[in-house]
N, C-alpha and C. Protein backbone atom coordinates (compact mmCIF):
# COMPACT_ATOMS: atom_id res chain seq x y z
N MET A 1 -11.27 21.25 2.20
CA MET A 1 -10.17 20.33 2.32
C MET A 1 -9.02 21.00 3.04
N THR A 2 -8.40 20.28 3.96
CA THR A 2 -7.23 20.77 4.67
C THR A 2 -6.04 20.76 3.72
N GLU A 3 -5.20 21.77 3.83
CA GLU A 3 -4.02 21.83 2.97
C GLU A 3 -3.06 20.69 3.33
N PRO A 4 -2.65 19.89 2.34
CA PRO A 4 -1.77 18.75 2.64
C PRO A 4 -0.34 19.20 2.92
N ALA A 5 0.38 18.38 3.68
CA ALA A 5 1.80 18.61 3.88
C ALA A 5 2.53 18.16 2.62
N PRO A 6 3.67 18.77 2.30
CA PRO A 6 4.43 18.31 1.14
C PRO A 6 4.79 16.83 1.28
N ALA A 7 4.55 16.06 0.24
CA ALA A 7 4.81 14.62 0.28
C ALA A 7 4.73 14.06 -1.12
N ALA A 8 5.34 12.90 -1.30
CA ALA A 8 5.16 12.12 -2.52
C ALA A 8 4.14 11.04 -2.20
N VAL A 9 3.17 10.85 -3.06
CA VAL A 9 2.11 9.87 -2.82
C VAL A 9 2.00 8.96 -4.04
N ALA A 10 2.05 7.65 -3.80
CA ALA A 10 1.92 6.69 -4.89
C ALA A 10 0.46 6.55 -5.30
N ILE A 11 0.24 6.44 -6.60
CA ILE A 11 -1.08 6.11 -7.15
C ILE A 11 -0.96 4.69 -7.68
N VAL A 12 -1.67 3.77 -7.06
CA VAL A 12 -1.56 2.35 -7.38
C VAL A 12 -2.78 1.90 -8.18
N ALA A 13 -2.53 1.40 -9.38
CA ALA A 13 -3.61 0.88 -10.22
C ALA A 13 -4.04 -0.48 -9.70
N CYS A 14 -5.34 -0.73 -9.73
CA CYS A 14 -5.86 -2.02 -9.26
C CYS A 14 -7.04 -2.44 -10.13
N SER A 15 -7.30 -3.75 -10.16
CA SER A 15 -8.40 -4.27 -10.97
C SER A 15 -9.68 -4.43 -10.17
N ASP A 16 -9.58 -4.38 -8.84
CA ASP A 16 -10.74 -4.55 -7.96
C ASP A 16 -10.52 -3.66 -6.74
N LEU A 17 -11.22 -2.52 -6.71
CA LEU A 17 -11.03 -1.57 -5.61
C LEU A 17 -11.35 -2.18 -4.26
N ALA A 18 -12.41 -2.98 -4.17
CA ALA A 18 -12.79 -3.57 -2.89
C ALA A 18 -11.71 -4.52 -2.37
N ALA A 19 -11.15 -5.34 -3.25
CA ALA A 19 -10.08 -6.27 -2.84
C ALA A 19 -8.84 -5.51 -2.41
N SER A 20 -8.50 -4.45 -3.13
CA SER A 20 -7.33 -3.66 -2.78
C SER A 20 -7.56 -2.90 -1.48
N GLU A 21 -8.75 -2.36 -1.30
CA GLU A 21 -9.07 -1.67 -0.05
C GLU A 21 -8.92 -2.62 1.13
N ALA A 22 -9.42 -3.84 1.01
CA ALA A 22 -9.31 -4.83 2.09
C ALA A 22 -7.85 -5.19 2.35
N PHE A 23 -7.06 -5.35 1.30
CA PHE A 23 -5.64 -5.67 1.47
C PHE A 23 -4.92 -4.55 2.23
N TYR A 24 -5.09 -3.32 1.78
CA TYR A 24 -4.39 -2.20 2.40
C TYR A 24 -4.91 -1.91 3.81
N ALA A 25 -6.14 -2.29 4.10
CA ALA A 25 -6.66 -2.16 5.48
C ALA A 25 -5.84 -3.03 6.42
N ARG A 26 -5.40 -4.20 5.95
CA ARG A 26 -4.56 -5.07 6.78
C ARG A 26 -3.20 -4.42 7.05
N LEU A 27 -2.82 -3.46 6.23
CA LEU A 27 -1.57 -2.72 6.44
C LEU A 27 -1.82 -1.40 7.17
N GLY A 28 -3.01 -1.25 7.75
CA GLY A 28 -3.30 -0.09 8.59
C GLY A 28 -3.92 1.10 7.89
N PHE A 29 -4.32 0.97 6.64
CA PHE A 29 -4.91 2.09 5.91
C PHE A 29 -6.43 2.07 5.99
N THR A 30 -7.01 3.25 6.06
CA THR A 30 -8.46 3.42 6.01
C THR A 30 -8.78 4.39 4.86
N VAL A 31 -10.03 4.38 4.44
CA VAL A 31 -10.44 5.26 3.34
C VAL A 31 -10.61 6.68 3.88
N ALA A 32 -9.86 7.61 3.29
CA ALA A 32 -9.98 9.02 3.64
C ALA A 32 -10.98 9.71 2.71
N SER A 33 -11.00 9.30 1.44
CA SER A 33 -11.93 9.85 0.45
C SER A 33 -12.26 8.76 -0.56
N ARG A 34 -13.51 8.77 -1.00
CA ARG A 34 -13.97 7.76 -1.95
C ARG A 34 -14.65 8.49 -3.12
N TYR A 35 -14.24 8.14 -4.34
CA TYR A 35 -14.80 8.75 -5.55
C TYR A 35 -15.27 7.64 -6.48
N PRO A 36 -16.43 7.01 -6.18
CA PRO A 36 -16.88 5.85 -6.96
C PRO A 36 -17.11 6.15 -8.44
N ALA A 37 -17.55 7.34 -8.77
CA ALA A 37 -17.79 7.66 -10.18
C ALA A 37 -16.50 7.68 -10.99
N HIS A 38 -15.38 7.84 -10.30
CA HIS A 38 -14.08 7.90 -10.96
C HIS A 38 -13.22 6.67 -10.68
N GLY A 39 -13.75 5.71 -9.90
CA GLY A 39 -12.98 4.52 -9.57
C GLY A 39 -11.71 4.87 -8.82
N TYR A 40 -11.84 5.67 -7.76
CA TYR A 40 -10.67 6.22 -7.08
C TYR A 40 -10.89 6.25 -5.57
N LEU A 41 -9.87 5.82 -4.83
CA LEU A 41 -9.89 5.89 -3.37
C LEU A 41 -8.62 6.57 -2.90
N ILE A 42 -8.74 7.35 -1.84
CA ILE A 42 -7.57 7.90 -1.16
C ILE A 42 -7.54 7.25 0.21
N LEU A 43 -6.43 6.58 0.49
CA LEU A 43 -6.25 5.89 1.77
C LEU A 43 -5.26 6.66 2.62
N ALA A 44 -5.40 6.52 3.93
CA ALA A 44 -4.46 7.14 4.87
C ALA A 44 -4.29 6.21 6.05
N ASN A 45 -3.14 6.34 6.72
CA ASN A 45 -2.94 5.56 7.94
C ASN A 45 -2.71 6.49 9.12
N ALA A 46 -2.60 5.94 10.31
CA ALA A 46 -2.49 6.73 11.53
C ALA A 46 -1.19 7.53 11.59
N ASP A 47 -0.17 7.12 10.84
CA ASP A 47 1.11 7.83 10.82
C ASP A 47 1.12 8.99 9.84
N GLY A 48 0.04 9.17 9.08
CA GLY A 48 -0.03 10.27 8.13
C GLY A 48 0.36 9.89 6.71
N ALA A 49 0.66 8.62 6.47
CA ALA A 49 0.96 8.18 5.10
C ALA A 49 -0.32 8.12 4.29
N SER A 50 -0.18 8.36 3.01
CA SER A 50 -1.33 8.35 2.10
C SER A 50 -0.99 7.49 0.89
N LEU A 51 -2.00 6.86 0.35
CA LEU A 51 -1.86 6.01 -0.82
C LEU A 51 -3.14 6.15 -1.62
N HIS A 52 -3.02 6.33 -2.92
CA HIS A 52 -4.20 6.46 -3.77
C HIS A 52 -4.37 5.19 -4.58
N LEU A 53 -5.60 4.73 -4.70
CA LEU A 53 -5.92 3.57 -5.53
C LEU A 53 -6.79 4.02 -6.69
N THR A 54 -6.47 3.57 -7.88
CA THR A 54 -7.26 3.91 -9.05
C THR A 54 -7.63 2.63 -9.80
N LEU A 55 -8.85 2.56 -10.25
CA LEU A 55 -9.33 1.39 -10.97
C LEU A 55 -8.76 1.38 -12.38
N ALA A 56 -8.06 0.31 -12.72
CA ALA A 56 -7.45 0.18 -14.05
C ALA A 56 -8.46 -0.41 -15.03
N PRO A 57 -8.34 -0.07 -16.30
CA PRO A 57 -9.21 -0.69 -17.30
C PRO A 57 -9.04 -2.21 -17.31
N SER A 58 -10.10 -2.91 -17.61
CA SER A 58 -10.08 -4.37 -17.64
C SER A 58 -8.96 -4.88 -18.54
N GLY A 59 -8.18 -5.84 -18.03
CA GLY A 59 -7.10 -6.43 -18.80
C GLY A 59 -5.79 -5.67 -18.77
N TRP A 60 -5.78 -4.49 -18.17
CA TRP A 60 -4.59 -3.65 -18.15
C TRP A 60 -3.52 -4.19 -17.22
N LEU A 61 -3.93 -4.80 -16.11
CA LEU A 61 -2.98 -5.31 -15.12
C LEU A 61 -2.78 -6.81 -15.25
N ASP A 62 -1.54 -7.24 -15.19
CA ASP A 62 -1.20 -8.66 -15.17
C ASP A 62 -0.38 -8.88 -13.90
N PRO A 63 -0.99 -9.45 -12.83
CA PRO A 63 -0.27 -9.61 -11.57
C PRO A 63 1.06 -10.35 -11.71
N ALA A 64 1.18 -11.24 -12.67
CA ALA A 64 2.42 -11.99 -12.84
C ALA A 64 3.53 -11.14 -13.46
N ARG A 65 3.16 -9.99 -14.04
CA ARG A 65 4.16 -9.15 -14.72
C ARG A 65 4.15 -7.72 -14.22
N ASN A 66 3.60 -7.47 -13.05
CA ASN A 66 3.50 -6.12 -12.52
C ASN A 66 4.88 -5.63 -12.05
N PRO A 67 5.43 -4.57 -12.67
CA PRO A 67 6.76 -4.10 -12.30
C PRO A 67 6.76 -3.03 -11.21
N PHE A 68 5.60 -2.67 -10.69
CA PHE A 68 5.50 -1.54 -9.78
C PHE A 68 5.68 -1.95 -8.32
N GLY A 69 6.08 -0.99 -7.50
CA GLY A 69 6.24 -1.24 -6.08
C GLY A 69 6.09 0.03 -5.27
N VAL A 70 5.81 -0.14 -3.99
CA VAL A 70 5.67 0.97 -3.04
C VAL A 70 6.43 0.59 -1.78
N TYR A 71 7.17 1.54 -1.23
CA TYR A 71 7.86 1.31 0.04
C TYR A 71 7.16 2.13 1.11
N LEU A 72 6.81 1.48 2.22
CA LEU A 72 6.16 2.15 3.34
C LEU A 72 7.07 2.09 4.56
N TYR A 73 7.29 3.21 5.20
CA TYR A 73 7.99 3.23 6.48
C TYR A 73 6.93 3.16 7.57
N ALA A 74 7.04 2.17 8.44
CA ALA A 74 6.05 2.00 9.51
C ALA A 74 6.74 1.45 10.75
N SER A 75 6.55 2.12 11.87
CA SER A 75 7.20 1.69 13.11
C SER A 75 6.65 0.37 13.63
N ASP A 76 5.43 0.03 13.27
CA ASP A 76 4.81 -1.21 13.74
C ASP A 76 4.98 -2.34 12.71
N VAL A 77 6.19 -2.45 12.17
CA VAL A 77 6.48 -3.41 11.11
C VAL A 77 6.12 -4.85 11.51
N ASP A 78 6.34 -5.23 12.77
CA ASP A 78 6.02 -6.59 13.19
C ASP A 78 4.52 -6.86 13.15
N THR A 79 3.73 -5.92 13.63
CA THR A 79 2.28 -6.07 13.63
C THR A 79 1.74 -6.16 12.20
N LEU A 80 2.25 -5.31 11.33
CA LEU A 80 1.78 -5.31 9.94
C LEU A 80 2.20 -6.58 9.22
N ALA A 81 3.40 -7.06 9.48
CA ALA A 81 3.85 -8.31 8.87
C ALA A 81 2.94 -9.46 9.28
N ALA A 82 2.60 -9.51 10.56
CA ALA A 82 1.72 -10.57 11.05
C ALA A 82 0.34 -10.48 10.38
N ALA A 83 -0.13 -9.26 10.13
CA ALA A 83 -1.46 -9.07 9.54
C ALA A 83 -1.55 -9.62 8.11
N VAL A 84 -0.40 -9.68 7.42
CA VAL A 84 -0.41 -10.19 6.05
C VAL A 84 0.34 -11.52 5.91
N GLY A 85 0.72 -12.10 7.05
CA GLY A 85 1.38 -13.40 7.04
C GLY A 85 2.80 -13.37 6.49
N ALA A 86 3.50 -12.26 6.69
CA ALA A 86 4.87 -12.13 6.19
C ALA A 86 5.87 -12.23 7.34
N SER A 87 7.11 -12.46 7.00
CA SER A 87 8.19 -12.53 7.99
C SER A 87 9.08 -11.30 7.87
N VAL A 88 9.42 -10.72 9.01
CA VAL A 88 10.30 -9.56 9.05
C VAL A 88 11.75 -10.04 9.00
N GLU A 89 12.55 -9.37 8.21
CA GLU A 89 13.97 -9.69 8.10
C GLU A 89 14.81 -8.46 8.45
N HIS A 90 15.97 -8.69 9.06
CA HIS A 90 16.93 -7.62 9.30
C HIS A 90 17.77 -7.48 8.04
N LYS A 91 17.77 -6.30 7.46
CA LYS A 91 18.49 -6.08 6.21
C LYS A 91 19.84 -5.42 6.48
N PRO A 92 20.83 -5.64 5.62
CA PRO A 92 22.16 -5.07 5.83
C PRO A 92 22.18 -3.54 5.76
N TRP A 93 21.15 -2.94 5.23
CA TRP A 93 21.09 -1.48 5.14
C TRP A 93 20.45 -0.86 6.38
N GLY A 94 20.29 -1.66 7.46
CA GLY A 94 19.85 -1.12 8.74
C GLY A 94 18.36 -1.04 8.95
N LEU A 95 17.60 -1.75 8.14
CA LEU A 95 16.14 -1.74 8.31
C LEU A 95 15.64 -3.14 8.61
N ARG A 96 14.57 -3.20 9.36
CA ARG A 96 13.81 -4.43 9.53
C ARG A 96 12.64 -4.29 8.57
N GLU A 97 12.46 -5.25 7.68
CA GLU A 97 11.41 -5.08 6.68
C GLU A 97 10.85 -6.41 6.20
N PHE A 98 9.71 -6.30 5.52
CA PHE A 98 9.10 -7.46 4.86
C PHE A 98 8.56 -7.00 3.52
N ALA A 99 8.29 -7.98 2.68
CA ALA A 99 7.74 -7.69 1.36
C ALA A 99 6.53 -8.58 1.13
N VAL A 100 5.55 -8.04 0.45
CA VAL A 100 4.32 -8.75 0.12
C VAL A 100 3.77 -8.12 -1.17
N SER A 101 2.97 -8.85 -1.90
CA SER A 101 2.35 -8.30 -3.11
C SER A 101 0.87 -8.05 -2.85
N ASP A 102 0.36 -6.94 -3.40
CA ASP A 102 -1.07 -6.66 -3.27
C ASP A 102 -1.84 -7.56 -4.24
N PRO A 103 -3.17 -7.49 -4.27
CA PRO A 103 -3.95 -8.39 -5.13
C PRO A 103 -3.61 -8.33 -6.62
N ASP A 104 -3.02 -7.21 -7.06
CA ASP A 104 -2.66 -7.08 -8.48
C ASP A 104 -1.17 -7.23 -8.72
N GLY A 105 -0.44 -7.71 -7.73
CA GLY A 105 0.97 -7.99 -7.90
C GLY A 105 1.90 -6.82 -7.65
N THR A 106 1.39 -5.69 -7.18
CA THR A 106 2.26 -4.57 -6.84
C THR A 106 3.07 -4.96 -5.61
N LEU A 107 4.39 -4.84 -5.69
CA LEU A 107 5.26 -5.16 -4.57
C LEU A 107 5.11 -4.09 -3.49
N ILE A 108 4.84 -4.52 -2.28
CA ILE A 108 4.74 -3.62 -1.14
C ILE A 108 5.82 -4.03 -0.16
N ARG A 109 6.75 -3.13 0.10
CA ARG A 109 7.79 -3.39 1.10
C ARG A 109 7.54 -2.44 2.25
N VAL A 110 7.63 -2.98 3.46
CA VAL A 110 7.38 -2.21 4.68
C VAL A 110 8.60 -2.35 5.56
N GLY A 111 9.11 -1.25 6.07
CA GLY A 111 10.29 -1.32 6.90
C GLY A 111 10.40 -0.19 7.90
N TRP A 112 11.36 -0.39 8.82
CA TRP A 112 11.65 0.60 9.84
C TRP A 112 13.09 0.37 10.30
N PRO A 113 13.80 1.43 10.69
CA PRO A 113 15.18 1.24 11.14
C PRO A 113 15.29 0.24 12.29
N SER A 114 16.36 -0.55 12.24
CA SER A 114 16.61 -1.57 13.28
C SER A 114 16.94 -0.91 14.60
């Protein structure tokens, strides 16, 4: 394994790894490592961002009450928004961004400086 660069990486619980993998693929992520015996995927995108998916026990996730979220910085915010059917907005804090929920209700916000 190559030594990773220092970074913070979110571990996102999901109820269906295949559905989550397909969702995050629309946001530009591909599988870097797959651990089926452990219900775990490591995803990466072309910009070097990483996201880990872990299979949650049945009944543990309630998409209507999921309080978790992940923020992704991506220069291709318009392309990614179109891929998930979202609209990009100019925010007062100087970012162009959109928000969408993954299959388990985790809030995903994607943005880039205006």
